[in-house]
Amino acid sequence: MPRLSEDRTSLQTHMHPIEAMEGREAELSRWLRDNAPECFEEQKHLDAGSSERAYWHHGYLMAIRDVLALLDRSSASTKVH
């Protein structure tokens, strides 16, 4: 299965946070559609005790951290002006 870009700089600092998140959402949607379309139907992350649930929560945690970092960079750049 092809790897999705793991470079957190993909949330570009020169972009508005909303634009950066929309771009990342489109990239992830494309990747899932091309590489794991069954995820949209199976919803295995809802099964208590499953590894899919643990990975879903881990991914969600990483997403929250990425958004917080993006917002922090955005906030810092507006304070400089």
PDB file of N, CA and C in Angstrom:
ATOM      1  N   MET A   1       0.852  -1.175   0.000  1.00  0.00           N
ATOM      2  CA  MET A   1       0.000   0.000   0.000  1.00  0.00           C
ATOM      3  C   MET A   1       0.898   1.239   0.000  1.00  0.00           C
ATOM      4  N   PRO A   2       0.699   2.150  -0.911  1.00  0.00           N
ATOM      5  CA  PRO A   2       1.518   3.366  -0.952  1.00  0.00           C
ATOM      6  C   PRO A   2       1.391   4.175   0.333  1.00  0.00           C
ATOM      7  N   ARG A   3       2.481   4.766   0.726  1.00  0.00           N
ATOM      8  CA  ARG A   3       2.477   5.582   1.943  1.00  0.00           C
ATOM      9  C   ARG A   3       1.926   6.959   1.641  1.00  0.00           C
ATOM     10  N   LEU A   4       1.217   7.473   2.609  1.00  0.00           N
ATOM     11  CA  LEU A   4       0.734   8.840   2.546  1.00  0.00           C
ATOM     12  C   LEU A   4       1.839   9.722   3.088  1.00  0.00           C
ATOM     13  N   SER A   5       1.951  10.902   2.579  1.00  0.00           N
ATOM     14  CA  SER A   5       2.972  11.823   3.066  1.00  0.00           C
ATOM     15  C   SER A   5       2.857  11.975   4.572  1.00  0.00           C
ATOM     16  N   GLU A   6       3.950  11.706   5.265  1.00  0.00           N
ATOM     17  CA  GLU A   6       3.954  11.848   6.721  1.00  0.00           C
ATOM     18  C   GLU A   6       4.635  13.138   7.159  1.00  0.00           C
ATOM     19  N   ASP A   7       5.029  13.923   6.204  1.00  0.00           N
ATOM     20  CA  ASP A   7       5.733  15.167   6.502  1.00  0.00           C
ATOM     21  C   ASP A   7       4.749  16.182   7.059  1.00  0.00           C
ATOM     22  N   ARG A   8       4.909  16.533   8.305  1.00  0.00           N
ATOM     23  CA  ARG A   8       3.973  17.466   8.927  1.00  0.00           C
ATOM     24  C   ARG A   8       4.087  18.873   8.347  1.00  0.00           C
ATOM     25  N   THR A   9       5.107  19.112   7.553  1.00  0.00           N
ATOM     26  CA  THR A   9       5.180  20.412   6.890  1.00  0.00           C
ATOM     27  C   THR A   9       4.160  20.502   5.774  1.00  0.00           C
ATOM     28  N   SER A  10       3.442  19.392   5.517  1.00  0.00           N
ATOM     29  CA  SER A  10       2.404  19.457   4.493  1.00  0.00           C
ATOM     30  C   SER A  10       1.290  20.410   4.916  1.00  0.00           C
ATOM     31  N   LEU A  11       1.208  20.707   6.202  1.00  0.00           N
ATOM     32  CA  LEU A  11       0.309  21.769   6.656  1.00  0.00           C
ATOM     33  C   LEU A  11       1.113  23.060   6.537  1.00  0.00           C
ATOM     34  N   GLN A  12       1.133  23.585   5.357  1.00  0.00           N
ATOM     35  CA  GLN A  12       2.022  24.684   4.992  1.00  0.00           C
ATOM     36  C   GLN A  12       1.837  25.903   5.894  1.00  0.00           C
ATOM     37  N   THR A  13       2.958  26.453   6.332  1.00  0.00           N
ATOM     38  CA  THR A  13       2.922  27.604   7.211  1.00  0.00           C
ATOM     39  C   THR A  13       2.527  28.874   6.465  1.00  0.00           C
ATOM     40  N   HIS A  14       2.736  28.932   5.153  1.00  0.00           N
ATOM     41  CA  HIS A  14       2.394  30.140   4.407  1.00  0.00           C
ATOM     42  C   HIS A  14       0.924  30.171   4.008  1.00  0.00           C
ATOM     43  N   MET A  15       0.204  29.097   4.261  1.00  0.00           N
ATOM     44  CA  MET A  15      -1.215  29.037   3.923  1.00  0.00           C
ATOM     45  C   MET A  15      -2.061  29.426   5.134  1.00  0.00           C
ATOM     46  N   HIS A  16      -3.245  29.911   4.868  1.00  0.00           N
ATOM     47  CA  HIS A  16      -4.207  30.143   5.937  1.00  0.00           C
ATOM     48  C   HIS A  16      -4.532  28.780   6.555  1.00  0.00           C
ATOM     49  N   PRO A  17      -4.705  28.685   7.867  1.00  0.00           N
ATOM     50  CA  PRO A  17      -4.960  27.386   8.501  1.00  0.00           C
ATOM     51  C   PRO A  17      -6.129  26.615   7.881  1.00  0.00           C
ATOM     52  N   ILE A  18      -7.187  27.295   7.502  1.00  0.00           N
ATOM     53  CA  ILE A  18      -8.333  26.609   6.897  1.00  0.00           C
ATOM     54  C   ILE A  18      -7.933  26.000   5.548  1.00  0.00           C
ATOM     55  N   GLU A  19      -7.197  26.762   4.729  1.00  0.00           N
ATOM     56  CA  GLU A  19      -6.747  26.244   3.435  1.00  0.00           C
ATOM     57  C   GLU A  19      -5.828  25.038   3.620  1.00  0.00           C
ATOM     58  N   ALA A  20      -4.945  25.113   4.598  1.00  0.00           N
ATOM     59  CA  ALA A  20      -4.029  24.006   4.857  1.00  0.00           C
ATOM     60  C   ALA A  20      -4.800  22.756   5.269  1.00  0.00           C
ATOM     61  N   MET A  21      -5.783  22.917   6.131  1.00  0.00           N
ATOM     62  CA  MET A  21      -6.577  21.776   6.579  1.00  0.00           C
ATOM     63  C   MET A  21      -7.432  21.212   5.448  1.00  0.00           C
ATOM     64  N   GLU A  22      -7.987  22.067   4.610  1.00  0.00           N
ATOM     65  CA  GLU A  22      -8.782  21.595   3.470  1.00  0.00           C
ATOM     66  C   GLU A  22      -7.916  20.795   2.494  1.00  0.00           C
ATOM     67  N   GLY A  23      -6.693  21.265   2.271  1.00  0.00           N
ATOM     68  CA  GLY A  23      -5.776  20.543   1.394  1.00  0.00           C
ATOM     69  C   GLY A  23      -5.415  19.180   1.960  1.00  0.00           C
ATOM     70  N   ARG A  24      -5.165  19.128   3.243  1.00  0.00           N
ATOM     71  CA  ARG A  24      -4.827  17.855   3.896  1.00  0.00           C
ATOM     72  C   ARG A  24      -6.023  16.910   3.873  1.00  0.00           C
ATOM     73  N   GLU A  25      -7.221  17.450   4.081  1.00  0.00           N
ATOM     74  CA  GLU A  25      -8.441  16.627   4.040  1.00  0.00           C
ATOM     75  C   GLU A  25      -8.619  16.012   2.663  1.00  0.00           C
ATOM     76  N   ALA A  26      -8.389  16.781   1.624  1.00  0.00           N
ATOM     77  CA  ALA A  26      -8.514  16.275   0.255  1.00  0.00           C
ATOM     78  C   ALA A  26      -7.470  15.196  -0.022  1.00  0.00           C
ATOM     79  N   GLU A  27      -6.242  15.416   0.438  1.00  0.00           N
ATOM     80  CA  GLU A  27      -5.164  14.444   0.238  1.00  0.00           C
ATOM     81  C   GLU A  27      -5.491  13.123   0.943  1.00  0.00           C
ATOM     82  N   LEU A  28      -5.948  13.198   2.188  1.00  0.00           N
ATOM     83  CA  LEU A  28      -6.284  11.994   2.938  1.00  0.00           C
ATOM     84  C   LEU A  28      -7.485  11.267   2.331  1.00  0.00           C
ATOM     85  N   SER A  29      -8.487  12.012   1.902  1.00  0.00           N
ATOM     86  CA  SER A  29      -9.667  11.407   1.287  1.00  0.00           C
ATOM     87  C   SER A  29      -9.291  10.648   0.021  1.00  0.00           C
ATOM     88  N   ARG A  30      -8.443  11.282  -0.816  1.00  0.00           N
ATOM     89  CA  ARG A  30      -7.975  10.635  -2.047  1.00  0.00           C
ATOM     90  C   ARG A  30      -7.221   9.349  -1.736  1.00  0.00           C
ATOM     91  N   TRP A  31      -6.312   9.428  -0.758  1.00  0.00           N
ATOM     92  CA  TRP A  31      -5.503   8.274  -0.397  1.00  0.00           C
ATOM     93  C   TRP A  31      -6.387   7.132   0.096  1.00  0.00           C
ATOM     94  N   LEU A  32      -7.321   7.429   0.983  1.00  0.00           N
ATOM     95  CA  LEU A  32      -8.219   6.390   1.489  1.00  0.00           C
ATOM     96  C   LEU A  32      -9.076   5.797   0.375  1.00  0.00           C
ATOM     97  N   ARG A  33      -9.613   6.626  -0.476  1.00  0.00           N
ATOM     98  CA  ARG A  33     -10.438   6.152  -1.589  1.00  0.00           C
ATOM     99  C   ARG A  33      -9.636   5.233  -2.513  1.00  0.00           C
ATOM    100  N   ASP A  34      -8.360   5.574  -2.752  1.00  0.00           N
ATOM    101  CA  ASP A  34      -7.519   4.796  -3.658  1.00  0.00           C
ATOM    102  C   ASP A  34      -6.942   3.533  -3.012  1.00  0.00           C
ATOM    103  N   ASN A  35      -6.700   3.570  -1.711  1.00  0.00           N
ATOM    104  CA  ASN A  35      -5.960   2.487  -1.057  1.00  0.00           C
ATOM    105  C   ASN A  35      -6.753   1.663  -0.054  1.00  0.00           C
ATOM    106  N   ALA A  36      -7.820   2.182   0.472  1.00  0.00           N
ATOM    107  CA  ALA A  36      -8.589   1.449   1.481  1.00  0.00           C
ATOM    108  C   ALA A  36     -10.057   1.878   1.457  1.00  0.00           C
ATOM    109  N   PRO A  37     -10.714   1.731   0.313  1.00  0.00           N
ATOM    110  CA  PRO A  37     -12.093   2.200   0.212  1.00  0.00           C
ATOM    111  C   PRO A  37     -13.050   1.492   1.168  1.00  0.00           C
ATOM    112  N   GLU A  38     -12.674   0.298   1.616  1.00  0.00           N
ATOM    113  CA  GLU A  38     -13.538  -0.429   2.547  1.00  0.00           C
ATOM    114  C   GLU A  38     -13.707   0.286   3.889  1.00  0.00           C
ATOM    115  N   CYS A  39     -12.790   1.187   4.212  1.00  0.00           N
ATOM    116  CA  CYS A  39     -12.893   1.925   5.476  1.00  0.00           C
ATOM    117  C   CYS A  39     -14.186   2.724   5.574  1.00  0.00           C
ATOM    118  N   PHE A  40     -14.677   3.188   4.440  1.00  0.00           N
ATOM    119  CA  PHE A  40     -15.894   4.001   4.449  1.00  0.00           C
ATOM    120  C   PHE A  40     -17.127   3.164   4.780  1.00  0.00           C
ATOM    121  N   GLU A  41     -17.076   1.863   4.508  1.00  0.00           N
ATOM    122  CA  GLU A  41     -18.217   0.977   4.745  1.00  0.00           C
ATOM    123  C   GLU A  41     -18.093   0.203   6.054  1.00  0.00           C
ATOM    124  N   GLU A  42     -16.918  -0.342   6.319  1.00  0.00           N
ATOM    125  CA  GLU A  42     -16.760  -1.270   7.437  1.00  0.00           C
ATOM    126  C   GLU A  42     -16.815  -0.615   8.809  1.00  0.00           C
ATOM    127  N   GLN A  43     -16.227   0.546   8.957  1.00  0.00           N
ATOM    128  CA  GLN A  43     -16.240   1.275  10.230  1.00  0.00           C
ATOM    129  C   GLN A  43     -15.713   0.424  11.396  1.00  0.00           C
ATOM    130  N   LYS A  44     -14.637  -0.326  11.156  1.00  0.00           N
ATOM    131  CA  LYS A  44     -14.090  -1.207  12.190  1.00  0.00           C
ATOM    132  C   LYS A  44     -13.564  -0.451  13.410  1.00  0.00           C
ATOM    133  N   HIS A  45     -13.299   0.828  13.245  1.00  0.00           N
ATOM    134  CA  HIS A  45     -12.809   1.609  14.383  1.00  0.00           C
ATOM    135  C   HIS A  45     -13.873   1.755  15.477  1.00  0.00           C
ATOM    136  N   LEU A  46     -15.098   1.368  15.186  1.00  0.00           N
ATOM    137  CA  LEU A  46     -16.166   1.425  16.180  1.00  0.00           C
ATOM    138  C   LEU A  46     -16.235   0.178  17.058  1.00  0.00           C
ATOM    139  N   ASP A  47     -15.475  -0.871  16.694  1.00  0.00           N
ATOM    140  CA  ASP A  47     -15.489  -2.121  17.447  1.00  0.00           C
ATOM    141  C   ASP A  47     -14.618  -2.000  18.696  1.00  0.00           C
ATOM    142  N   ALA A  48     -15.263  -2.069  19.868  1.00  0.00           N
ATOM    143  CA  ALA A  48     -14.539  -1.966  21.141  1.00  0.00           C
ATOM    144  C   ALA A  48     -13.453  -3.036  21.227  1.00  0.00           C
ATOM    145  N   GLY A  49     -12.282  -2.631  21.668  1.00  0.00           N
ATOM    146  CA  GLY A  49     -11.172  -3.556  21.854  1.00  0.00           C
ATOM    147  C   GLY A  49     -10.405  -3.907  20.595  1.00  0.00           C
ATOM    148  N   SER A  50     -10.806  -3.362  19.454  1.00  0.00           N
ATOM    149  CA  SER A  50     -10.112  -3.691  18.206  1.00  0.00           C
ATOM    150  C   SER A  50      -8.864  -2.838  18.024  1.00  0.00           C
ATOM    151  N   SER A  51      -7.908  -3.391  17.280  1.00  0.00           N
ATOM    152  CA  SER A  51      -6.712  -2.596  16.980  1.00  0.00           C
ATOM    153  C   SER A  51      -7.081  -1.414  16.097  1.00  0.00           C
ATOM    154  N   GLU A  52      -8.113  -1.581  15.253  1.00  0.00           N
ATOM    155  CA  GLU A  52      -8.568  -0.472  14.416  1.00  0.00           C
ATOM    156  C   GLU A  52      -9.028   0.710  15.270  1.00  0.00           C
ATOM    157  N   ARG A  53      -9.663   0.435  16.390  1.00  0.00           N
ATOM    158  CA  ARG A  53     -10.121   1.508  17.279  1.00  0.00           C
ATOM    159  C   ARG A  53      -8.928   2.228  17.903  1.00  0.00           C
ATOM    160  N   ALA A  54      -7.936   1.458  18.328  1.00  0.00           N
ATOM    161  CA  ALA A  54      -6.736   2.065  18.909  1.00  0.00           C
ATOM    162  C   ALA A  54      -6.021   2.935  17.875  1.00  0.00           C
ATOM    163  N   TYR A  55      -5.882   2.427  16.638  1.00  0.00           N
ATOM    164  CA  TYR A  55      -5.240   3.213  15.590  1.00  0.00           C
ATOM    165  C   TYR A  55      -6.048   4.451  15.243  1.00  0.00           C
ATOM    166  N   TRP A  56      -7.368   4.350  15.265  1.00  0.00           N
ATOM    167  CA  TRP A  56      -8.218   5.511  14.986  1.00  0.00           C
ATOM    168  C   TRP A  56      -7.965   6.586  16.032  1.00  0.00           C
ATOM    169  N   HIS A  57      -7.947   6.192  17.306  1.00  0.00           N
ATOM    170  CA  HIS A  57      -7.711   7.174  18.372  1.00  0.00           C
ATOM    171  C   HIS A  57      -6.313   7.768  18.278  1.00  0.00           C
ATOM    172  N   HIS A  58      -5.336   6.948  17.928  1.00  0.00           N
ATOM    173  CA  HIS A  58      -3.977   7.463  17.767  1.00  0.00           C
ATOM    174  C   HIS A  58      -3.933   8.481  16.627  1.00  0.00           C
ATOM    175  N   GLY A  59      -4.563   8.150  15.515  1.00  0.00           N
ATOM    176  CA  GLY A  59      -4.601   9.074  14.381  1.00  0.00           C
ATOM    177  C   GLY A  59      -5.310  10.371  14.729  1.00  0.00           C
ATOM    178  N   TYR A  60      -6.389  10.250  15.489  1.00  0.00           N
ATOM    179  CA  TYR A  60      -7.126  11.448  15.897  1.00  0.00           C
ATOM    180  C   TYR A  60      -6.270  12.328  16.811  1.00  0.00           C
ATOM    181  N   LEU A  61      -5.546  11.708  17.718  1.00  0.00           N
ATOM    182  CA  LEU A  61      -4.638  12.456  18.596  1.00  0.00           C
ATOM    183  C   LEU A  61      -3.577  13.192  17.779  1.00  0.00           C
ATOM    184  N   MET A  62      -3.001  12.515  16.794  1.00  0.00           N
ATOM    185  CA  MET A  62      -1.987  13.154  15.956  1.00  0.00           C
ATOM    186  C   MET A  62      -2.596  14.316  15.167  1.00  0.00           C
ATOM    187  N   ALA A  63      -3.824  14.149  14.707  1.00  0.00           N
ATOM    188  CA  ALA A  63      -4.497  15.226  13.972  1.00  0.00           C
ATOM    189  C   ALA A  63      -4.716  16.437  14.867  1.00  0.00           C
ATOM    190  N   ILE A  64      -5.142  16.202  16.095  1.00  0.00           N
ATOM    191  CA  ILE A  64      -5.339  17.311  17.036  1.00  0.00           C
ATOM    192  C   ILE A  64      -4.022  18.031  17.278  1.00  0.00           C
ATOM    193  N   ARG A  65      -2.952  17.278  17.453  1.00  0.00           N
ATOM    194  CA  ARG A  65      -1.638  17.899  17.673  1.00  0.00           C
ATOM    195  C   ARG A  65      -1.208  18.722  16.459  1.00  0.00           C
ATOM    196  N   ASP A  66      -1.452  18.191  15.263  1.00  0.00           N
ATOM    197  CA  ASP A  66      -1.105  18.932  14.043  1.00  0.00           C
ATOM    198  C   ASP A  66      -1.896  20.234  13.946  1.00  0.00           C
ATOM    199  N   VAL A  67      -3.183  20.180  14.247  1.00  0.00           N
ATOM    200  CA  VAL A  67      -4.020  21.379  14.184  1.00  0.00           C
ATOM    201  C   VAL A  67      -3.562  22.394  15.230  1.00  0.00           C
ATOM    202  N   LEU A  68      -3.271  21.932  16.435  1.00  0.00           N
ATOM    203  CA  LEU A  68      -2.786  22.856  17.470  1.00  0.00           C
ATOM    204  C   LEU A  68      -1.479  23.521  17.054  1.00  0.00           C
ATOM    205  N   ALA A  69      -0.569  22.761  16.458  1.00  0.00           N
ATOM    206  CA  ALA A  69       0.699  23.335  15.986  1.00  0.00           C
ATOM    207  C   ALA A  69       0.450  24.344  14.875  1.00  0.00           C
ATOM    208  N   LEU A  70      -0.455  24.021  13.971  1.00  0.00           N
ATOM    209  CA  LEU A  70      -0.785  24.933  12.879  1.00  0.00           C
ATOM    210  C   LEU A  70      -1.383  26.227  13.415  1.00  0.00           C
ATOM    211  N   LEU A  71      -2.297  26.101  14.353  1.00  0.00           N
ATOM    212  CA  LEU A  71      -2.920  27.293  14.930  1.00  0.00           C
ATOM    213  C   LEU A  71      -1.907  28.109  15.730  1.00  0.00           C
ATOM    214  N   ASP A  72      -0.998  27.441  16.409  1.00  0.00           N
ATOM    215  CA  ASP A  72       0.033  28.142  17.162  1.00  0.00           C
ATOM    216  C   ASP A  72       0.937  28.931  16.233  1.00  0.00           C
ATOM    217  N   ARG A  73       1.341  28.317  15.105  1.00  0.00           N
ATOM    218  CA  ARG A  73       2.173  29.031  14.123  1.00  0.00           C
ATOM    219  C   ARG A  73       1.423  30.206  13.530  1.00  0.00           C
ATOM    220  N   SER A  74       0.155  29.995  13.245  1.00  0.00           N
ATOM    221  CA  SER A  74      -0.668  31.060  12.675  1.00  0.00           C
ATOM    222  C   SER A  74      -0.811  32.206  13.660  1.00  0.00           C
ATOM    223  N   SER A  75      -1.039  31.883  14.910  1.00  0.00           N
ATOM    224  CA  SER A  75      -1.186  32.893  15.952  1.00  0.00           C
ATOM    225  C   SER A  75       0.114  33.662  16.152  1.00  0.00           C
ATOM    226  N   ALA A  76       1.232  32.946  16.134  1.00  0.00           N
ATOM    227  CA  ALA A  76       2.535  33.596  16.308  1.00  0.00           C
ATOM    228  C   ALA A  76       2.834  34.547  15.157  1.00  0.00           C
ATOM    229  N   SER A  77       2.449  34.170  13.932  1.00  0.00           N
ATOM    230  CA  SER A  77       2.741  35.033  12.791  1.00  0.00           C
ATOM    231  C   SER A  77       1.880  36.289  12.815  1.00  0.00           C
ATOM    232  N   THR A  78       0.689  36.226  13.366  1.00  0.00           N
ATOM    233  CA  THR A  78      -0.150  37.425  13.421  1.00  0.00           C
ATOM    234  C   THR A  78       0.306  38.351  14.537  1.00  0.00           C
ATOM    235  N   LYS A  79       0.961  37.823  15.553  1.00  0.00           N
ATOM    236  CA  LYS A  79       1.461  38.659  16.644  1.00  0.00           C
ATOM    237  C   LYS A  79       2.667  39.485  16.210  1.00  0.00           C
ATOM    238  N   VAL A  80       3.418  38.970  15.246  1.00  0.00           N
ATOM    239  CA  VAL A  80       4.636  39.651  14.785  1.00  0.00           C
ATOM    240  C   VAL A  80       4.278  40.931  14.044  1.00  0.00           C
ATOM    241  N   HIS A  81       3.157  40.933  13.331  1.00  0.00           N
ATOM    242  CA  HIS A  81       2.790  42.074  12.495  1.00  0.00           C
ATOM    243  C   HIS A  81       2.313  43.183  13.321  1.00  0.00           C
TER     244      HIS A  81
END
